[in-house]
Amino acid sequence: MPSSAPKVLRTITEFCQFRNLDKPQHPLVSVIDFEKISHLRPDEPTSIVNNFYSIALKRNCNIKMKYGQREYDFDEGVMFFMAPGQVYALEGSGAMTHIGYNLVFHPDFLWNTPLGKKIKQYEFFRYSVHEALFLSDKEEQTIVDIIQKIESEYSGNMDHFSQDVIIAQLELLLTYAERFYHRQFLTRKMESHKTLDKLEKVLDDWFDSGATDKKGLPTVQYVASRLNVSPNYLSGMLKVTTGQSTQQHIHDRLIEKAKEKLAGSDLSISEIAYDLGFEHPQSFSKLFKVKTNVSPLEFRQSFN
């Protein structure tokens, strides 16, 4: 039986050996043709950890990948990103059918370069991103061209400039990925609006149930989990759709409830603050004034 402990692949060379591939031409960066990985291993681990970055472009794949407690089905033109140290698993049986490329590179290749610091800022390398990147034919060709240029560079006669050229191509690829993720948000406006409607329902249920009195404000993580999306995905979608983050939406709904209580009840400012989950009324008054430019008392007096 496979071991329950993750199989750790420390280097690209170890990965190639594990998947019965030829030794990589460069120890720190490699382009792997998925067609050359034809089978899962008989002793396929229940989980795997790579100690290097992976940018996969897959199509026509008959296996599933579990990553961050979520399963991914690969369809036409899908990109997927993994950072070192993240756990994943492959599930399937028999021969593997998939085409595309896996661009892998070790953190040491980025050592002491601006990209080495910047790469951690790309959200699509995080566990919390629950959505692969779907590409149009034109977008896919753009990515393939860059991957092939990287392969050509390390396969040729390496010189003093080769690392800089490859890193420049990596940065270009990641910039395109950011653009395409942003486009994916924009082209899913209908889905975004449905998510926004569901968000409003989640917040309504929270405030109407009186949960704020016992638990305070709902967290971004809680709201995202109720919508079955990642916190980063939800905030990114909301910023594109409405210009505001999830936290700002939560605060806006809080202010709406506060206004209802201020205008329609005889509760004191302190009682309203406690009902809305604030430990200190001063914190409530400060947030209310930031959002409305008036204090809770001034808002209440405007109705008298």
Foldseek 3Di string as FASTA:
>chain_A
DADQDAAEQEWPQSVCVQQVHDGALDGFKHKDWVVSRWAADPNFHQKYFYQWKKKWWKAPWDKWKAFLNDIDDHHPGWIAIEHGPGMMGIDDDDTIDMGTIMIIGHLVLCPPHPCSVVVVVQVRHDSQAPDIFHDDPVLSVVLVVLVVVLNVLSVDDDDPCSSVVNVVSVVVNSVSVVVRVLVVLVVPLVVLVVLVVVLVVVLCCCLVVLVLLPPNFDDLCRSCVVSVHGQVVNQSSCCSNPVGGPVVVSLVVLLVVLLCCLQPHPDDLQVSCSSNNHPDSVVVQVSNCVVPVDGSVVSSVVND
